[in-house]
Structures are given as structure tokens and as C-alpha cells.
N, C-alpha and C. Protein backbone atom coordinates (compact mmCIF):
# COMPACT_ATOMS: atom_id res chain seq x y z
N MET A 1 -24.50 10.08 -64.26
CA MET A 1 -24.01 8.71 -64.99
C MET A 1 -22.73 8.84 -65.25
N VAL A 2 -21.76 7.80 -65.08
CA VAL A 2 -20.34 7.93 -65.76
C VAL A 2 -20.44 6.53 -66.61
N ASN A 3 -19.64 6.62 -67.58
CA ASN A 3 -19.64 5.55 -68.39
C ASN A 3 -17.89 5.18 -68.18
N HIS A 4 -17.81 4.13 -67.29
CA HIS A 4 -16.37 3.64 -66.80
C HIS A 4 -16.17 2.57 -68.10
N PRO A 5 -15.02 2.74 -68.39
CA PRO A 5 -14.09 1.63 -69.54
C PRO A 5 -13.97 0.40 -69.05
N ILE A 6 -14.08 0.29 -67.64
CA ILE A 6 -13.70 -1.53 -66.92
C ILE A 6 -14.97 -1.57 -66.24
N TYR A 7 -15.38 -0.74 -65.72
CA TYR A 7 -16.69 -0.91 -64.76
C TYR A 7 -18.28 -1.13 -65.37
N GLY A 8 -18.11 -0.09 -66.35
CA GLY A 8 -19.21 0.01 -67.19
C GLY A 8 -19.89 1.15 -66.65
N THR A 9 -21.18 1.08 -66.53
CA THR A 9 -21.95 2.18 -66.51
C THR A 9 -22.18 2.25 -64.82
N VAL A 10 -21.55 3.37 -64.30
CA VAL A 10 -21.99 3.66 -62.89
C VAL A 10 -22.64 5.13 -62.63
N MET A 11 -23.62 4.88 -61.77
CA MET A 11 -24.60 5.78 -61.31
C MET A 11 -23.84 6.45 -60.13
N PHE A 12 -23.96 7.49 -59.94
CA PHE A 12 -23.39 8.59 -58.68
C PHE A 12 -24.66 9.46 -58.45
N SER A 13 -25.26 9.27 -57.28
CA SER A 13 -26.38 10.14 -56.66
C SER A 13 -25.72 10.99 -55.68
N LYS A 14 -26.02 12.20 -55.85
CA LYS A 14 -26.01 13.24 -54.82
C LYS A 14 -26.89 12.88 -53.57
N TYR A 15 -27.97 12.04 -53.71
CA TYR A 15 -28.52 11.65 -52.38
C TYR A 15 -28.35 10.31 -52.00
N ARG A 16 -27.45 9.73 -52.12
CA ARG A 16 -27.41 8.44 -51.83
C ARG A 16 -27.70 8.27 -50.04
N TRP A 17 -27.22 9.15 -49.57
CA TRP A 17 -27.42 9.05 -48.09
C TRP A 17 -28.81 8.95 -47.47
N ARG A 18 -29.97 9.27 -48.38
CA ARG A 18 -31.18 8.81 -48.44
C ARG A 18 -31.33 7.27 -48.31
N ASN A 19 -30.79 6.64 -48.99
CA ASN A 19 -30.93 5.08 -48.74
C ASN A 19 -30.55 4.33 -47.80
N TRP A 20 -29.45 5.11 -47.01
CA TRP A 20 -28.73 4.56 -45.86
C TRP A 20 -29.67 4.76 -44.76
N VAL A 21 -30.12 6.28 -44.88
CA VAL A 21 -31.16 6.27 -43.67
C VAL A 21 -32.20 5.59 -43.54
N THR A 22 -32.68 4.91 -44.88
CA THR A 22 -33.81 4.18 -44.83
C THR A 22 -33.51 2.93 -44.31
N ARG A 23 -32.54 2.45 -44.84
CA ARG A 23 -31.75 1.26 -44.24
C ARG A 23 -31.70 1.19 -43.07
N SER A 24 -30.99 2.18 -42.54
CA SER A 24 -30.79 1.96 -40.88
C SER A 24 -32.33 2.30 -39.93
N LEU A 25 -33.38 2.76 -40.92
CA LEU A 25 -34.76 2.89 -40.22
C LEU A 25 -34.95 1.24 -40.16
N TYR A 26 -35.19 0.73 -41.52
CA TYR A 26 -35.38 -0.91 -41.43
C TYR A 26 -34.67 -1.67 -40.56
N LEU A 27 -33.54 -1.42 -40.32
CA LEU A 27 -32.92 -2.36 -39.28
C LEU A 27 -33.12 -2.02 -37.94
N THR A 28 -33.58 -0.67 -37.65
CA THR A 28 -34.09 -0.07 -36.37
C THR A 28 -35.34 -1.25 -36.05
N LEU A 29 -36.11 -0.95 -36.88
CA LEU A 29 -37.33 -1.71 -36.53
C LEU A 29 -37.31 -3.13 -36.65
N ILE A 30 -36.41 -3.93 -37.39
CA ILE A 30 -36.02 -5.24 -36.88
C ILE A 30 -35.60 -5.55 -35.78
N ASN A 31 -34.64 -4.63 -35.33
CA ASN A 31 -33.98 -4.57 -33.83
C ASN A 31 -35.28 -4.37 -32.51
N ILE A 32 -36.13 -3.56 -32.67
CA ILE A 32 -37.12 -3.28 -32.10
C ILE A 32 -37.96 -4.80 -31.77
N ALA A 33 -38.10 -5.22 -33.26
CA ALA A 33 -38.88 -6.52 -32.79
C ALA A 33 -38.14 -7.72 -32.28
N LEU A 34 -36.85 -7.72 -32.47
CA LEU A 34 -36.29 -8.78 -32.02
C LEU A 34 -35.99 -8.77 -30.25
N ILE A 35 -36.21 -7.18 -29.86
CA ILE A 35 -35.91 -7.35 -28.44
C ILE A 35 -37.17 -7.50 -27.88
N ALA A 36 -38.59 -7.14 -28.69
CA ALA A 36 -39.80 -7.53 -27.91
C ALA A 36 -39.96 -9.00 -28.14
N ILE A 37 -39.45 -9.65 -29.17
CA ILE A 37 -39.49 -11.03 -29.00
C ILE A 37 -38.70 -11.53 -27.79
N ILE A 38 -37.61 -11.28 -27.82
CA ILE A 38 -36.55 -11.78 -26.45
C ILE A 38 -37.38 -11.34 -25.01
N LEU A 39 -37.97 -10.34 -25.22
CA LEU A 39 -38.82 -9.86 -23.89
C LEU A 39 -39.92 -10.63 -23.97
N SER A 40 -40.59 -11.18 -24.75
CA SER A 40 -41.78 -12.05 -24.65
C SER A 40 -41.33 -13.25 -24.34
N LEU A 41 -40.61 -13.63 -24.49
CA LEU A 41 -39.97 -15.18 -24.30
C LEU A 41 -39.99 -15.51 -22.68
N SER A 42 -40.60 -16.78 -22.37
CA SER A 42 -40.61 -16.96 -20.72
C SER A 42 -38.82 -17.35 -20.53
N LYS A 43 -38.89 -17.24 -19.16
CA LYS A 43 -37.23 -17.43 -19.02
C LYS A 43 -37.16 -18.59 -17.93
N THR A 44 -38.30 -19.53 -17.95
CA THR A 44 -38.24 -20.70 -16.95
C THR A 44 -37.92 -21.72 -17.74
N GLU A 45 -37.50 -21.99 -18.85
CA GLU A 45 -37.19 -23.14 -19.74
C GLU A 45 -35.31 -23.07 -20.09
N GLU A 46 -34.94 -23.66 -20.33
CA GLU A 46 -33.54 -23.90 -20.36
C GLU A 46 -33.28 -23.39 -21.93
N TYR A 47 -33.89 -24.18 -23.07
CA TYR A 47 -33.84 -23.82 -24.38
C TYR A 47 -34.12 -22.63 -24.71
N ASN A 48 -34.96 -21.96 -23.84
CA ASN A 48 -35.65 -20.58 -24.21
C ASN A 48 -34.52 -19.46 -23.87
N ILE A 49 -33.82 -19.78 -22.69
CA ILE A 49 -32.66 -19.09 -22.49
C ILE A 49 -31.75 -18.84 -23.42
N ILE A 50 -31.28 -20.28 -23.90
CA ILE A 50 -30.63 -20.31 -24.95
C ILE A 50 -30.97 -19.50 -26.49
N VAL A 51 -32.29 -19.60 -26.51
CA VAL A 51 -32.77 -18.60 -27.79
C VAL A 51 -32.65 -17.12 -27.61
N ALA A 52 -32.92 -16.72 -26.35
CA ALA A 52 -32.75 -15.39 -26.14
C ALA A 52 -31.44 -15.02 -26.33
N TYR A 53 -30.64 -15.85 -25.84
CA TYR A 53 -28.86 -15.63 -25.91
C TYR A 53 -28.66 -15.05 -27.44
N VAL A 54 -28.96 -15.92 -28.20
CA VAL A 54 -28.70 -16.05 -29.59
C VAL A 54 -29.49 -14.98 -30.24
N LEU A 55 -30.50 -14.46 -29.72
CA LEU A 55 -31.36 -13.49 -30.50
C LEU A 55 -30.70 -12.24 -29.91
N SER A 56 -30.29 -11.96 -28.89
CA SER A 56 -29.51 -11.27 -27.92
C SER A 56 -28.32 -10.74 -29.06
N GLY A 57 -27.76 -11.77 -29.32
CA GLY A 57 -26.36 -11.39 -29.61
C GLY A 57 -26.90 -10.97 -31.37
N ALA A 58 -27.81 -11.20 -31.99
CA ALA A 58 -28.20 -11.10 -33.51
C ALA A 58 -28.40 -9.39 -33.10
N SER A 59 -29.56 -9.46 -32.12
CA SER A 59 -29.95 -7.60 -31.75
C SER A 59 -28.52 -7.04 -31.57
N ALA A 60 -27.50 -7.44 -30.96
CA ALA A 60 -26.19 -6.57 -30.92
C ALA A 60 -25.51 -6.23 -32.35
N ALA A 61 -25.30 -7.48 -33.00
CA ALA A 61 -25.10 -7.15 -34.50
C ALA A 61 -25.45 -6.11 -35.24
N ILE A 62 -27.23 -6.24 -35.35
CA ILE A 62 -27.62 -5.18 -35.95
C ILE A 62 -27.60 -3.71 -35.27
N SER A 63 -27.48 -3.63 -34.15
CA SER A 63 -27.02 -2.25 -33.42
C SER A 63 -25.65 -1.52 -34.17
N PHE A 64 -24.90 -2.71 -33.90
CA PHE A 64 -23.50 -2.21 -34.51
C PHE A 64 -24.06 -1.98 -36.32
N TRP A 65 -24.77 -2.67 -37.01
CA TRP A 65 -24.68 -2.25 -38.17
C TRP A 65 -25.56 -1.01 -38.60
N ILE A 66 -26.34 -0.64 -37.60
CA ILE A 66 -27.06 0.90 -37.67
C ILE A 66 -25.84 1.92 -37.38
N PHE A 67 -24.96 1.44 -36.41
CA PHE A 67 -23.79 2.48 -36.27
C PHE A 67 -22.91 2.57 -37.32
N LEU A 68 -22.64 1.41 -38.22
CA LEU A 68 -21.84 1.59 -39.39
C LEU A 68 -22.83 2.30 -40.49
N CYS A 69 -24.03 2.43 -40.23
CA CYS A 69 -24.94 3.07 -41.20
C CYS A 69 -24.81 4.45 -41.04
N ALA A 70 -24.65 5.01 -39.58
CA ALA A 70 -24.39 6.07 -39.11
C ALA A 70 -23.08 6.86 -39.62
N VAL A 71 -22.23 5.73 -39.65
CA VAL A 71 -20.76 5.98 -39.88
C VAL A 71 -20.61 6.41 -41.64
N LEU A 72 -21.29 5.60 -42.40
CA LEU A 72 -21.36 5.81 -43.84
C LEU A 72 -22.21 7.09 -44.33
N ILE A 73 -23.26 7.59 -43.32
CA ILE A 73 -23.90 8.86 -43.77
C ILE A 73 -22.93 10.07 -43.35
N PHE A 74 -22.30 9.87 -42.38
CA PHE A 74 -21.18 10.81 -42.16
C PHE A 74 -20.17 10.97 -42.78
N ARG A 75 -19.92 9.99 -43.78
CA ARG A 75 -18.69 10.21 -44.66
C ARG A 75 -19.45 10.60 -45.92
N LEU A 76 -20.74 10.59 -46.17
CA LEU A 76 -20.94 11.07 -47.49
C LEU A 76 -21.55 12.58 -46.97
N ASP A 77 -21.22 13.14 -46.30
CA ASP A 77 -21.23 14.68 -45.78
C ASP A 77 -22.68 14.73 -45.68
N SER A 78 -23.59 14.31 -45.01
CA SER A 78 -25.02 14.46 -44.92
C SER A 78 -25.04 14.45 -43.41
N GLY A 79 -26.26 15.49 -42.92
CA GLY A 79 -26.42 15.82 -41.53
C GLY A 79 -27.21 14.68 -40.95
N ALA A 80 -27.44 13.89 -41.59
CA ALA A 80 -28.70 12.58 -40.83
C ALA A 80 -28.10 11.79 -40.32
N TRP A 81 -26.81 11.42 -39.99
CA TRP A 81 -26.00 10.64 -39.13
C TRP A 81 -26.14 11.18 -37.63
N ILE A 82 -26.64 12.51 -37.52
CA ILE A 82 -27.00 13.04 -36.06
C ILE A 82 -28.20 12.34 -35.76
N TYR A 83 -28.92 11.98 -36.43
CA TYR A 83 -30.66 11.22 -36.09
C TYR A 83 -29.88 9.74 -35.92
N VAL A 84 -29.24 9.17 -36.81
CA VAL A 84 -29.00 7.82 -36.96
C VAL A 84 -28.15 7.35 -35.82
N LEU A 85 -27.16 7.92 -35.36
CA LEU A 85 -26.10 7.72 -34.50
C LEU A 85 -26.87 7.32 -33.12
N PRO A 86 -27.67 8.33 -32.49
CA PRO A 86 -28.33 7.83 -31.15
C PRO A 86 -29.28 7.07 -31.18
N VAL A 87 -29.91 6.87 -32.20
CA VAL A 87 -30.63 5.70 -32.27
C VAL A 87 -30.03 4.50 -32.23
N SER A 88 -28.66 4.16 -33.01
CA SER A 88 -27.84 3.19 -32.62
C SER A 88 -27.24 2.98 -30.98
N ALA A 89 -27.11 3.80 -30.62
CA ALA A 89 -26.56 4.10 -29.53
C ALA A 89 -27.86 3.66 -28.25
N VAL A 90 -29.08 4.08 -28.51
CA VAL A 90 -30.01 3.52 -27.81
C VAL A 90 -30.59 2.28 -28.05
N THR A 91 -30.56 1.48 -29.03
CA THR A 91 -30.59 0.28 -29.17
C THR A 91 -29.55 -0.58 -28.79
N THR A 92 -28.49 -0.15 -28.72
CA THR A 92 -27.62 -0.85 -27.85
C THR A 92 -27.66 -1.15 -26.51
N VAL A 93 -27.74 0.08 -26.07
CA VAL A 93 -27.98 0.23 -24.83
C VAL A 93 -29.37 -0.54 -24.14
N ILE A 94 -30.32 -0.66 -24.76
CA ILE A 94 -31.40 -1.46 -24.52
C ILE A 94 -31.10 -2.74 -24.76
N GLY A 95 -30.48 -3.25 -25.99
CA GLY A 95 -29.92 -4.60 -26.15
C GLY A 95 -29.02 -5.26 -25.20
N TYR A 96 -28.27 -4.14 -24.41
CA TYR A 96 -27.42 -4.85 -22.99
C TYR A 96 -28.24 -4.98 -21.86
N ILE A 97 -29.31 -4.06 -21.78
CA ILE A 97 -30.08 -4.27 -20.64
C ILE A 97 -30.64 -5.38 -20.41
N VAL A 98 -31.03 -5.80 -21.64
CA VAL A 98 -32.10 -7.25 -21.65
C VAL A 98 -31.10 -8.40 -21.50
N LEU A 99 -29.67 -8.15 -22.28
CA LEU A 99 -28.86 -9.48 -22.16
C LEU A 99 -28.70 -9.31 -20.31
N MET A 100 -28.76 -8.15 -19.84
CA MET A 100 -28.65 -8.50 -18.15
C MET A 100 -29.65 -9.03 -17.81
N LYS A 101 -30.89 -8.89 -18.17
CA LYS A 101 -32.22 -9.37 -17.61
C LYS A 101 -32.10 -10.85 -17.83
N ILE A 102 -31.38 -11.15 -19.33
CA ILE A 102 -31.70 -12.99 -19.43
C ILE A 102 -30.48 -13.15 -18.60
N LYS A 103 -29.65 -12.82 -18.43
CA LYS A 103 -28.36 -13.39 -17.64
C LYS A 103 -28.58 -13.34 -16.17
N LYS A 104 -29.71 -12.54 -15.66
CA LYS A 104 -29.98 -12.44 -14.12
C LYS A 104 -30.96 -13.82 -14.11
N SER A 105 -31.82 -13.99 -15.22
CA SER A 105 -32.70 -14.87 -14.80
C SER A 105 -31.87 -16.49 -15.01
N ASP A 106 -31.08 -16.41 -15.99
CA ASP A 106 -30.06 -17.43 -16.00
C ASP A 106 -29.61 -17.93 -15.05
N VAL A 107 -28.69 -16.93 -14.31
CA VAL A 107 -27.98 -17.32 -12.96
C VAL A 107 -29.45 -17.69 -12.02
N SER A 108 -30.56 -17.36 -11.74
CA SER A 108 -31.25 -17.51 -10.78
C SER A 108 -32.00 -18.93 -10.97
N PHE A 109 -32.17 -18.96 -12.56
CA PHE A 109 -32.51 -20.71 -12.96
C PHE A 109 -31.49 -21.58 -12.68
N THR A 110 -30.09 -21.22 -12.82
CA THR A 110 -29.00 -22.13 -12.41
C THR A 110 -28.78 -22.49 -10.73
N GLU A 111 -29.20 -21.29 -10.30
CA GLU A 111 -28.81 -21.67 -9.00
C GLU A 111 -30.19 -22.11 -8.36
N LEU A 112 -31.70 -22.37 -8.94
CA LEU A 112 -32.63 -23.25 -8.48
C LEU A 112 -32.41 -24.68 -8.76
N LYS A 113 -31.52 -24.56 -10.15
CA LYS A 113 -31.45 -26.20 -10.37
C LYS A 113 -30.51 -27.06 -9.53
N GLU A 114 -29.52 -25.93 -9.16
CA GLU A 114 -28.15 -26.47 -8.03
C GLU A 114 -28.81 -27.09 -6.47
N SER A 115 -29.98 -26.02 -6.49
CA SER A 115 -30.72 -26.20 -5.00
C SER A 115 -31.46 -27.61 -4.82
N PHE A 116 -31.96 -27.80 -6.22
CA PHE A 116 -32.90 -29.08 -6.19
C PHE A 116 -31.78 -30.47 -6.10
N LYS A 117 -30.56 -30.19 -6.89
CA LYS A 117 -29.83 -31.30 -6.95
C LYS A 117 -29.32 -31.36 -5.37
N LYS A 118 -28.78 -30.47 -4.86
CA LYS A 118 -28.38 -30.40 -3.57
C LYS A 118 -29.65 -30.99 -2.49
N MET A 119 -30.87 -30.94 -2.56
CA MET A 119 -32.12 -31.24 -2.06
C MET A 119 -32.02 -32.88 -2.30
N SER A 120 -31.93 -33.21 -3.42
CA SER A 120 -32.32 -34.36 -3.88
C SER A 120 -30.97 -35.31 -3.51
N ALA A 121 -29.56 -34.80 -3.45
CA ALA A 121 -28.83 -35.48 -3.01
C ALA A 121 -28.71 -35.79 -1.40
N ALA A 122 -29.21 -34.82 -0.75
CA ALA A 122 -29.32 -34.77 0.72
C ALA A 122 -30.25 -35.84 0.97
N SER A 123 -31.15 -36.36 0.15
CA SER A 123 -32.40 -37.03 0.63
C SER A 123 -31.79 -38.64 0.40
N HIS A 124 -30.80 -38.68 -0.49
CA HIS A 124 -30.04 -40.35 -0.64
C HIS A 124 -28.92 -40.27 -0.10
N GLU A 125 -28.76 -39.42 1.13
CA GLU A 125 -27.36 -39.57 1.70
C GLU A 125 -27.10 -41.07 2.41
N ASP A 126 -25.90 -41.68 2.18
CA ASP A 126 -25.49 -43.11 2.70
C ASP A 126 -25.76 -42.81 4.32
N GLN A 127 -26.34 -43.61 4.75
CA GLN A 127 -26.69 -43.92 6.37
C GLN A 127 -25.18 -44.02 7.15
N ARG A 128 -24.23 -44.87 6.40
CA ARG A 128 -23.13 -45.20 7.10
C ARG A 128 -22.18 -44.14 7.40
N LEU A 129 -22.61 -42.97 6.48
CA LEU A 129 -21.68 -41.45 6.76
C LEU A 129 -22.29 -40.78 7.86
N ILE A 130 -23.18 -40.98 8.60
CA ILE A 130 -23.95 -39.97 9.48
C ILE A 130 -23.07 -39.43 10.37
N SER A 131 -22.49 -38.36 11.02
CA SER A 131 -21.77 -38.20 11.87
C SER A 131 -21.97 -39.00 13.42
N VAL A 132 -21.04 -38.94 14.14
CA VAL A 132 -21.12 -39.73 15.44
C VAL A 132 -20.90 -38.60 16.53
N GLU A 133 -21.32 -38.68 17.48
CA GLU A 133 -21.45 -37.80 18.55
C GLU A 133 -19.67 -38.24 19.33
N GLY A 134 -19.32 -37.35 19.83
CA GLY A 134 -17.94 -37.30 20.44
C GLY A 134 -16.83 -37.06 19.75
N ALA A 135 -15.73 -37.37 20.43
CA ALA A 135 -14.35 -36.89 19.49
C ALA A 135 -13.45 -38.23 19.41
N PRO A 136 -12.46 -38.26 18.77
CA PRO A 136 -11.51 -39.35 18.44
C PRO A 136 -11.13 -39.72 19.91
N GLY A 137 -10.99 -41.12 20.21
CA GLY A 137 -10.34 -41.19 21.45
C GLY A 137 -10.77 -41.74 22.68
N ASP A 138 -12.64 -41.01 22.30
CA ASP A 138 -13.35 -41.32 23.59
C ASP A 138 -13.71 -42.79 23.84
N TRP A 139 -13.61 -43.69 22.49
CA TRP A 139 -13.99 -45.33 23.05
C TRP A 139 -12.62 -45.91 22.59
N PRO A 140 -11.92 -45.96 23.72
CA PRO A 140 -10.18 -46.59 23.15
C PRO A 140 -10.69 -48.11 22.87
N GLY A 141 -11.68 -48.79 23.35
CA GLY A 141 -11.82 -49.93 22.73
C GLY A 141 -12.49 -50.22 21.69
N GLU A 142 -13.09 -49.17 21.30
CA GLU A 142 -13.79 -49.68 19.83
C GLU A 142 -13.23 -48.50 18.60
N ASP A 143 -11.86 -48.02 19.07
CA ASP A 143 -11.04 -47.31 18.14
C ASP A 143 -11.06 -48.06 16.51
N PHE A 144 -10.22 -49.48 16.95
CA PHE A 144 -10.26 -50.24 16.32
C PHE A 144 -11.22 -51.38 15.62
N ILE A 145 -11.49 -51.79 14.87
CA ILE A 145 -12.54 -53.06 14.45
C ILE A 145 -11.27 -53.88 14.80
N ARG A 146 -11.88 -55.05 15.45
CA ARG A 146 -10.89 -56.56 15.43
C ARG A 146 -11.72 -57.79 14.97
N PHE A 147 -10.85 -58.32 14.47
CA PHE A 147 -11.53 -59.64 13.84
C PHE A 147 -11.26 -60.90 14.10
């Protein structure tokens, strides 16, 4: 404990790294819960896909936060960063895989919507625009409409 004239009483601990390891463990558990929630969402509704993208971004931010915990533990000269850094890497990779899964379902959902739009547009086609057999010039008397 140091009595600083400006900052007041400041406590220094030799084992500050333990708090950061605990914090990274809590963040890892939160990240695992987020990934489980993302995987449990149905990807058939558009708003579920939007929610999954938002939660995936939150998962990426938490993975980065875990990485920063590992960097701080390394700066505190503790060997525990060797355990925290791979956990950060694994959660980042799993989050990326889940994001690609969301993107795949989003693309298939978009393609499905477009195919339904094309089918409905084809059924409402204007009958005046139906193609006519033959080539231009086959009917010289009917090429121009006369009034």
C-alpha cells in the first residue's frame, strides 16, 4: 500500500494477474453462452438473422476483450497468459465459424426470397409481351400498323 500525495492511498498487489484471469474466465463463459444463443436461433426469419448478426458482433468484441486480458496478463509478467491466449483464439475461431454459418443461411434465405419474387413476377406477366414466332420481315404487310 502506497500513500500517494495526489492520488491518495494506492494498493499494489503482486497477484493482480489473478483478477484478470478470473475476468477472462467470466468473459469466456459469457462468450460461450452467446455462441449457444446464436446457434439456437432459427435462421428462417429475417429478424432472427439480424439478431444473430448483432450477437455475433458482440461475441467478436468479447473475444477481443479476452485477447486484451491475455496481453495484460503477459504485461504483468505472469505465465497465465499461456492459458488465456489460446482460449481467446479458440473463441474467435468458433465465433467466425458461427458467423459464416449465419451468412450461409442469410444468402440461402435471400436467394429463396428472390426465387419466390421471380415466380410471382412470371405469373403476372403481361400477355401483350409474349414472344411471337418468326423473324422480323416475315410479315411485310403487317410490319407497321396503319390507321
